Amino acid sequence: MDVLYFLAPLAIMLGLVGLIGMYWAWKQGQFDDLEGPAHRILFDDDGELDPHAKKNEDAQINDAVQNKSESDLKEK
């Protein structure tokens, strides 16, 4: 029975740490682009030596995701 005096506060503290971690990740924008990494695999990595290739690739992905979400909204 004495172990409950230790385990109950420990469980509450671990739960609070998890909630704080989720809130921090949410505020840092970790959940803003959930589809981008899935679409990024579809593009070739030919431009790895070009320093501007990453910016162009990100712009293409964002445009593709934006167009897809706009078309989904139009369908509904």
PDB file of N, CA and C in Angstrom:
ATOM      1  N   MET A   1       0.817  -1.192   0.000  1.00  0.00           N
ATOM      2  CA  MET A   1       0.000   0.000   0.000  1.00  0.00           C
ATOM      3  C   MET A   1       0.865   1.263   0.000  1.00  0.00           C
ATOM      4  N   ASP A   2       2.020   1.156   0.629  1.00  0.00           N
ATOM      5  CA  ASP A   2       2.897   2.324   0.685  1.00  0.00           C
ATOM      6  C   ASP A   2       3.441   2.703  -0.689  1.00  0.00           C
ATOM      7  N   VAL A   3       3.521   1.740  -1.578  1.00  0.00           N
ATOM      8  CA  VAL A   3       4.062   2.016  -2.904  1.00  0.00           C
ATOM      9  C   VAL A   3       3.139   2.942  -3.702  1.00  0.00           C
ATOM     10  N   LEU A   4       1.837   2.942  -3.384  1.00  0.00           N
ATOM     11  CA  LEU A   4       0.903   3.824  -4.075  1.00  0.00           C
ATOM     12  C   LEU A   4       1.199   5.292  -3.797  1.00  0.00           C
ATOM     13  N   TYR A   5       1.747   5.584  -2.627  1.00  0.00           N
ATOM     14  CA  TYR A   5       2.108   6.966  -2.301  1.00  0.00           C
ATOM     15  C   TYR A   5       3.251   7.454  -3.198  1.00  0.00           C
ATOM     16  N   PHE A   6       3.987   6.536  -3.754  1.00  0.00           N
ATOM     17  CA  PHE A   6       5.076   6.876  -4.662  1.00  0.00           C
ATOM     18  C   PHE A   6       4.615   6.837  -6.123  1.00  0.00           C
ATOM     19  N   LEU A   7       3.841   5.805  -6.471  1.00  0.00           N
ATOM     20  CA  LEU A   7       3.464   5.604  -7.867  1.00  0.00           C
ATOM     21  C   LEU A   7       2.408   6.600  -8.362  1.00  0.00           C
ATOM     22  N   ALA A   8       1.466   6.982  -7.521  1.00  0.00           N
ATOM     23  CA  ALA A   8       0.414   7.911  -7.954  1.00  0.00           C
ATOM     24  C   ALA A   8       0.997   9.277  -8.333  1.00  0.00           C
ATOM     25  N   PRO A   9       1.816   9.910  -7.480  1.00  0.00           N
ATOM     26  CA  PRO A   9       2.412  11.190  -7.903  1.00  0.00           C
ATOM     27  C   PRO A   9       3.352  11.037  -9.105  1.00  0.00           C
ATOM     28  N   LEU A  10       4.056   9.904  -9.185  1.00  0.00           N
ATOM     29  CA  LEU A  10       4.943   9.667 -10.319  1.00  0.00           C
ATOM     30  C   LEU A  10       4.139   9.590 -11.617  1.00  0.00           C
ATOM     31  N   ALA A  11       3.006   8.906 -11.591  1.00  0.00           N
ATOM     32  CA  ALA A  11       2.158   8.808 -12.784  1.00  0.00           C
ATOM     33  C   ALA A  11       1.609  10.174 -13.171  1.00  0.00           C
ATOM     34  N   ILE A  12       1.208  10.967 -12.203  1.00  0.00           N
ATOM     35  CA  ILE A  12       0.696  12.303 -12.490  1.00  0.00           C
ATOM     36  C   ILE A  12       1.795  13.176 -13.070  1.00  0.00           C
ATOM     37  N   MET A  13       2.991  13.098 -12.513  1.00  0.00           N
ATOM     38  CA  MET A  13       4.103  13.899 -13.029  1.00  0.00           C
ATOM     39  C   MET A  13       4.470  13.498 -14.450  1.00  0.00           C
ATOM     40  N   LEU A  14       4.514  12.200 -14.734  1.00  0.00           N
ATOM     41  CA  LEU A  14       4.828  11.746 -16.088  1.00  0.00           C
ATOM     42  C   LEU A  14       3.743  12.170 -17.083  1.00  0.00           C
ATOM     43  N   GLY A  15       2.490  12.143 -16.662  1.00  0.00           N
ATOM     44  CA  GLY A  15       1.405  12.608 -17.514  1.00  0.00           C
ATOM     45  C   GLY A  15       1.533  14.093 -17.820  1.00  0.00           C
ATOM     46  N   LEU A  16       1.879  14.882 -16.808  1.00  0.00           N
ATOM     47  CA  LEU A  16       2.067  16.315 -17.016  1.00  0.00           C
ATOM     48  C   LEU A  16       3.256  16.599 -17.933  1.00  0.00           C
ATOM     49  N   VAL A  17       4.332  15.839 -17.784  1.00  0.00           N
ATOM     50  CA  VAL A  17       5.490  16.007 -18.667  1.00  0.00           C
ATOM     51  C   VAL A  17       5.089  15.703 -20.115  1.00  0.00           C
ATOM     52  N   GLY A  18       4.290  14.667 -20.322  1.00  0.00           N
ATOM     53  CA  GLY A  18       3.814  14.341 -21.667  1.00  0.00           C
ATOM     54  C   GLY A  18       2.935  15.433 -22.244  1.00  0.00           C
ATOM     55  N   LEU A  19       2.028  15.968 -21.438  1.00  0.00           N
ATOM     56  CA  LEU A  19       1.161  17.049 -21.907  1.00  0.00           C
ATOM     57  C   LEU A  19       1.957  18.306 -22.223  1.00  0.00           C
ATOM     58  N   ILE A  20       2.924  18.630 -21.404  1.00  0.00           N
ATOM     59  CA  ILE A  20       3.772  19.793 -21.657  1.00  0.00           C
ATOM     60  C   ILE A  20       4.573  19.589 -22.938  1.00  0.00           C
ATOM     61  N   GLY A  21       5.077  18.370 -23.140  1.00  0.00           N
ATOM     62  CA  GLY A  21       5.820  18.065 -24.366  1.00  0.00           C
ATOM     63  C   GLY A  21       4.950  18.195 -25.608  1.00  0.00           C
ATOM     64  N   MET A  22       3.717  17.722 -25.549  1.00  0.00           N
ATOM     65  CA  MET A  22       2.807  17.845 -26.685  1.00  0.00           C
ATOM     66  C   MET A  22       2.469  19.305 -26.950  1.00  0.00           C
ATOM     67  N   TYR A  23       2.244  20.088 -25.906  1.00  0.00           N
ATOM     68  CA  TYR A  23       1.941  21.509 -26.065  1.00  0.00           C
ATOM     69  C   TYR A  23       3.127  22.241 -26.684  1.00  0.00           C
ATOM     70  N   TRP A  24       4.329  21.923 -26.232  1.00  0.00           N
ATOM     71  CA  TRP A  24       5.531  22.554 -26.775  1.00  0.00           C
ATOM     72  C   TRP A  24       5.683  22.227 -28.263  1.00  0.00           C
ATOM     73  N   ALA A  25       5.485  20.955 -28.622  1.00  0.00           N
ATOM     74  CA  ALA A  25       5.604  20.550 -30.023  1.00  0.00           C
ATOM     75  C   ALA A  25       4.548  21.250 -30.874  1.00  0.00           C
ATOM     76  N   TRP A  26       3.345  21.414 -30.346  1.00  0.00           N
ATOM     77  CA  TRP A  26       2.283  22.077 -31.067  1.00  0.00           C
ATOM     78  C   TRP A  26       2.623  23.546 -31.292  1.00  0.00           C
ATOM     79  N   LYS A  27       3.146  24.210 -30.276  1.00  0.00           N
ATOM     80  CA  LYS A  27       3.501  25.618 -30.396  1.00  0.00           C
ATOM     81  C   LYS A  27       4.708  25.823 -31.314  1.00  0.00           C
ATOM     82  N   GLN A  28       5.590  24.842 -31.443  1.00  0.00           N
ATOM     83  CA  GLN A  28       6.753  24.940 -32.317  1.00  0.00           C
ATOM     84  C   GLN A  28       6.412  24.634 -33.771  1.00  0.00           C
ATOM     85  N   GLY A  29       5.178  24.209 -34.054  1.00  0.00           N
ATOM     86  CA  GLY A  29       4.753  23.962 -35.426  1.00  0.00           C
ATOM     87  C   GLY A  29       5.085  22.566 -35.928  1.00  0.00           C
ATOM     88  N   GLN A  30       5.285  21.626 -35.028  1.00  0.00           N
ATOM     89  CA  GLN A  30       5.638  20.271 -35.441  1.00  0.00           C
ATOM     90  C   GLN A  30       4.500  19.570 -36.183  1.00  0.00           C
ATOM     91  N   PHE A  31       3.267  19.998 -35.974  1.00  0.00           N
ATOM     92  CA  PHE A  31       2.121  19.329 -36.576  1.00  0.00           C
ATOM     93  C   PHE A  31       1.498  20.149 -37.702  1.00  0.00           C
ATOM     94  N   ASP A  32       2.191  21.182 -38.179  1.00  0.00           N
ATOM     95  CA  ASP A  32       1.637  22.046 -39.203  1.00  0.00           C
ATOM     96  C   ASP A  32       1.575  21.373 -40.572  1.00  0.00           C
ATOM     97  N   ASP A  33       2.590  20.634 -40.942  1.00  0.00           N
ATOM     98  CA  ASP A  33       2.659  20.031 -42.275  1.00  0.00           C
ATOM     99  C   ASP A  33       2.756  18.515 -42.131  1.00  0.00           C
ATOM    100  N   LEU A  34       1.609  17.876 -42.095  1.00  0.00           N
ATOM    101  CA  LEU A  34       1.598  16.423 -41.922  1.00  0.00           C
ATOM    102  C   LEU A  34       1.756  15.676 -43.242  1.00  0.00           C
ATOM    103  N   GLU A  35       1.413  16.320 -44.365  1.00  0.00           N
ATOM    104  CA  GLU A  35       1.480  15.642 -45.659  1.00  0.00           C
ATOM    105  C   GLU A  35       2.763  15.924 -46.416  1.00  0.00           C
ATOM    106  N   GLY A  36       3.508  16.951 -46.047  1.00  0.00           N
ATOM    107  CA  GLY A  36       4.715  17.338 -46.771  1.00  0.00           C
ATOM    108  C   GLY A  36       5.752  16.231 -46.859  1.00  0.00           C
ATOM    109  N   PRO A  37       6.114  15.584 -45.736  1.00  0.00           N
ATOM    110  CA  PRO A  37       7.106  14.513 -45.823  1.00  0.00           C
ATOM    111  C   PRO A  37       6.644  13.340 -46.692  1.00  0.00           C
ATOM    112  N   ALA A  38       5.347  13.086 -46.717  1.00  0.00           N
ATOM    113  CA  ALA A  38       4.835  11.993 -47.557  1.00  0.00           C
ATOM    114  C   ALA A  38       4.974  12.331 -49.042  1.00  0.00           C
ATOM    115  N   HIS A  39       4.817  13.602 -49.391  1.00  0.00           N
ATOM    116  CA  HIS A  39       4.946  14.014 -50.791  1.00  0.00           C
ATOM    117  C   HIS A  39       6.403  14.223 -51.186  1.00  0.00           C
ATOM    118  N   ARG A  40       7.244  14.525 -50.232  1.00  0.00           N
ATOM    119  CA  ARG A  40       8.651  14.813 -50.521  1.00  0.00           C
ATOM    120  C   ARG A  40       9.362  13.598 -51.122  1.00  0.00           C
ATOM    121  N   ILE A  41       8.925  12.395 -50.783  1.00  0.00           N
ATOM    122  CA  ILE A  41       9.578  11.192 -51.302  1.00  0.00           C
ATOM    123  C   ILE A  41       9.339  11.036 -52.800  1.00  0.00           C
ATOM    124  N   LEU A  42       8.322  11.708 -53.333  1.00  0.00           N
ATOM    125  CA  LEU A  42       7.997  11.572 -54.749  1.00  0.00           C
ATOM    126  C   LEU A  42       8.917  12.380 -55.656  1.00  0.00           C
ATOM    127  N   PHE A  43       9.670  13.326 -55.095  1.00  0.00           N
ATOM    128  CA  PHE A  43      10.544  14.169 -55.885  1.00  0.00           C
ATOM    129  C   PHE A  43      11.944  13.586 -55.937  1.00  0.00           C
ATOM    130  N   ASP A  44      12.618  13.796 -57.075  1.00  0.00           N
ATOM    131  CA  ASP A  44      13.987  13.317 -57.244  1.00  0.00           C
ATOM    132  C   ASP A  44      14.946  14.154 -56.413  1.00  0.00           C
ATOM    133  N   ASP A  45      16.083  13.558 -56.048  1.00  0.00           N
ATOM    134  CA  ASP A  45      17.117  14.258 -55.293  1.00  0.00           C
ATOM    135  C   ASP A  45      18.245  14.701 -56.207  1.00  0.00           C
ATOM    136  N   ASP A  46      17.957  14.971 -57.488  1.00  0.00           N
ATOM    137  CA  ASP A  46      18.999  15.363 -58.438  1.00  0.00           C
ATOM    138  C   ASP A  46      19.630  16.706 -58.090  1.00  0.00           C
ATOM    139  N   GLY A  47      18.919  17.583 -57.414  1.00  0.00           N
ATOM    140  CA  GLY A  47      19.418  18.917 -57.143  1.00  0.00           C
ATOM    141  C   GLY A  47      20.102  19.060 -55.801  1.00  0.00           C
ATOM    142  N   GLU A  48      20.664  17.992 -55.253  1.00  0.00           N
ATOM    143  CA  GLU A  48      21.287  18.070 -53.935  1.00  0.00           C
ATOM    144  C   GLU A  48      22.496  19.000 -53.921  1.00  0.00           C
ATOM    145  N   LEU A  49      23.201  19.136 -55.051  1.00  0.00           N
ATOM    146  CA  LEU A  49      24.374  20.001 -55.083  1.00  0.00           C
ATOM    147  C   LEU A  49      23.990  21.467 -55.254  1.00  0.00           C
ATOM    148  N   ASP A  50      22.793  21.712 -55.701  1.00  0.00           N
ATOM    149  CA  ASP A  50      22.317  23.078 -55.899  1.00  0.00           C
ATOM    150  C   ASP A  50      21.766  23.610 -54.571  1.00  0.00           C
ATOM    151  N   PRO A  51      22.313  24.707 -54.041  1.00  0.00           N
ATOM    152  CA  PRO A  51      21.831  25.205 -52.737  1.00  0.00           C
ATOM    153  C   PRO A  51      20.399  25.721 -52.792  1.00  0.00           C
ATOM    154  N   HIS A  52      19.918  26.081 -53.979  1.00  0.00           N
ATOM    155  CA  HIS A  52      18.561  26.594 -54.099  1.00  0.00           C
ATOM    156  C   HIS A  52      17.554  25.470 -54.351  1.00  0.00           C
ATOM    157  N   ALA A  53      18.020  24.264 -54.545  1.00  0.00           N
ATOM    158  CA  ALA A  53      17.129  23.157 -54.874  1.00  0.00           C
ATOM    159  C   ALA A  53      16.188  22.851 -53.721  1.00  0.00           C
ATOM    160  N   LYS A  54      16.671  22.932 -52.508  1.00  0.00           N
ATOM    161  CA  LYS A  54      15.833  22.632 -51.350  1.00  0.00           C
ATOM    162  C   LYS A  54      14.682  23.629 -51.250  1.00  0.00           C
ATOM    163  N   LYS A  55      14.970  24.913 -51.482  1.00  0.00           N
ATOM    164  CA  LYS A  55      13.912  25.921 -51.438  1.00  0.00           C
ATOM    165  C   LYS A  55      12.886  25.662 -52.537  1.00  0.00           C
ATOM    166  N   ASN A  56      13.370  25.325 -53.726  1.00  0.00           N
ATOM    167  CA  ASN A  56      12.462  25.051 -54.843  1.00  0.00           C
ATOM    168  C   ASN A  56      11.626  23.811 -54.568  1.00  0.00           C
ATOM    169  N   GLU A  57      12.259  22.789 -54.004  1.00  0.00           N
ATOM    170  CA  GLU A  57      11.547  21.554 -53.701  1.00  0.00           C
ATOM    171  C   GLU A  57      10.474  21.804 -52.654  1.00  0.00           C
ATOM    172  N   ASP A  58      10.809  22.559 -51.620  1.00  0.00           N
ATOM    173  CA  ASP A  58       9.822  22.867 -50.584  1.00  0.00           C
ATOM    174  C   ASP A  58       8.668  23.673 -51.162  1.00  0.00           C
ATOM    175  N   ALA A  59       8.969  24.593 -52.067  1.00  0.00           N
ATOM    176  CA  ALA A  59       7.917  25.387 -52.697  1.00  0.00           C
ATOM    177  C   ALA A  59       7.011  24.498 -53.543  1.00  0.00           C
ATOM    178  N   GLN A  60       7.585  23.532 -54.266  1.00  0.00           N
ATOM    179  CA  GLN A  60       6.785  22.612 -55.075  1.00  0.00           C
ATOM    180  C   GLN A  60       5.880  21.764 -54.191  1.00  0.00           C
ATOM    181  N   ILE A  61       6.420  21.288 -53.097  1.00  0.00           N
ATOM    182  CA  ILE A  61       5.638  20.450 -52.187  1.00  0.00           C
ATOM    183  C   ILE A  61       4.503  21.250 -51.579  1.00  0.00           C
ATOM    184  N   ASN A  62       4.825  22.454 -51.122  1.00  0.00           N
ATOM    185  CA  ASN A  62       3.784  23.287 -50.527  1.00  0.00           C
ATOM    186  C   ASN A  62       2.702  23.623 -51.535  1.00  0.00           C
ATOM    187  N   ASP A  63       3.088  23.894 -52.782  1.00  0.00           N
ATOM    188  CA  ASP A  63       2.108  24.178 -53.824  1.00  0.00           C
ATOM    189  C   ASP A  63       1.237  22.956 -54.094  1.00  0.00           C
ATOM    190  N   ALA A  64       1.863  21.780 -54.158  1.00  0.00           N
ATOM    191  CA  ALA A  64       1.111  20.544 -54.421  1.00  0.00           C
ATOM    192  C   ALA A  64       0.123  20.270 -53.290  1.00  0.00           C
ATOM    193  N   VAL A  65       0.559  20.441 -52.056  1.00  0.00           N
ATOM    194  CA  VAL A  65      -0.323  20.199 -50.912  1.00  0.00           C
ATOM    195  C   VAL A  65      -1.440  21.233 -50.890  1.00  0.00           C
ATOM    196  N   GLN A  66      -1.115  22.484 -51.166  1.00  0.00           N
ATOM    197  CA  GLN A  66      -2.117  23.548 -51.184  1.00  0.00           C
ATOM    198  C   GLN A  66      -3.153  23.289 -52.268  1.00  0.00           C
ATOM    199  N   ASN A  67      -2.693  22.905 -53.462  1.00  0.00           N
ATOM    200  CA  ASN A  67      -3.627  22.633 -54.559  1.00  0.00           C
ATOM    201  C   ASN A  67      -4.514  21.445 -54.243  1.00  0.00           C
ATOM    202  N   LYS A  68      -3.931  20.429 -53.611  1.00  0.00           N
ATOM    203  CA  LYS A  68      -4.712  19.252 -53.253  1.00  0.00           C
ATOM    204  C   LYS A  68      -5.763  19.611 -52.221  1.00  0.00           C
ATOM    205  N   SER A  69      -5.385  20.379 -51.200  1.00  0.00           N
ATOM    206  CA  SER A  69      -6.359  20.736 -50.173  1.00  0.00           C
ATOM    207  C   SER A  69      -7.435  21.656 -50.729  1.00  0.00           C
ATOM    208  N   GLU A  70      -7.092  22.540 -51.670  1.00  0.00           N
ATOM    209  CA  GLU A  70      -8.103  23.396 -52.287  1.00  0.00           C
ATOM    210  C   GLU A  70      -9.056  22.574 -53.123  1.00  0.00           C
ATOM    211  N   SER A  71      -8.536  21.580 -53.853  1.00  0.00           N
ATOM    212  CA  SER A  71      -9.417  20.738 -54.670  1.00  0.00           C
ATOM    213  C   SER A  71     -10.300  19.864 -53.784  1.00  0.00           C
ATOM    214  N   ASP A  72      -9.793  19.436 -52.634  1.00  0.00           N
ATOM    215  CA  ASP A  72     -10.608  18.666 -51.707  1.00  0.00           C
ATOM    216  C   ASP A  72     -11.740  19.503 -51.156  1.00  0.00           C
ATOM    217  N   LEU A  73     -11.467  20.781 -50.873  1.00  0.00           N
ATOM    218  CA  LEU A  73     -12.508  21.662 -50.364  1.00  0.00           C
ATOM    219  C   LEU A  73     -13.572  21.933 -51.419  1.00  0.00           C
ATOM    220  N   LYS A  74     -13.147  22.052 -52.687  1.00  0.00           N
ATOM    221  CA  LYS A  74     -14.103  22.299 -53.759  1.00  0.00           C
ATOM    222  C   LYS A  74     -15.010  21.104 -53.970  1.00  0.00           C
ATOM    223  N   GLU A  75     -14.470  19.895 -53.783  1.00  0.00           N
ATOM    224  CA  GLU A  75     -15.268  18.677 -53.976  1.00  0.00           C
ATOM    225  C   GLU A  75     -16.322  18.541 -52.901  1.00  0.00           C
ATOM    226  N   LYS A  76     -16.009  18.994 -51.701  1.00  0.00           N
ATOM    227  CA  LYS A  76     -16.970  18.853 -50.582  1.00  0.00           C
ATOM    228  C   LYS A  76     -17.924  19.976 -50.633  1.00  0.00           C
TER     229      LYS A  76
END
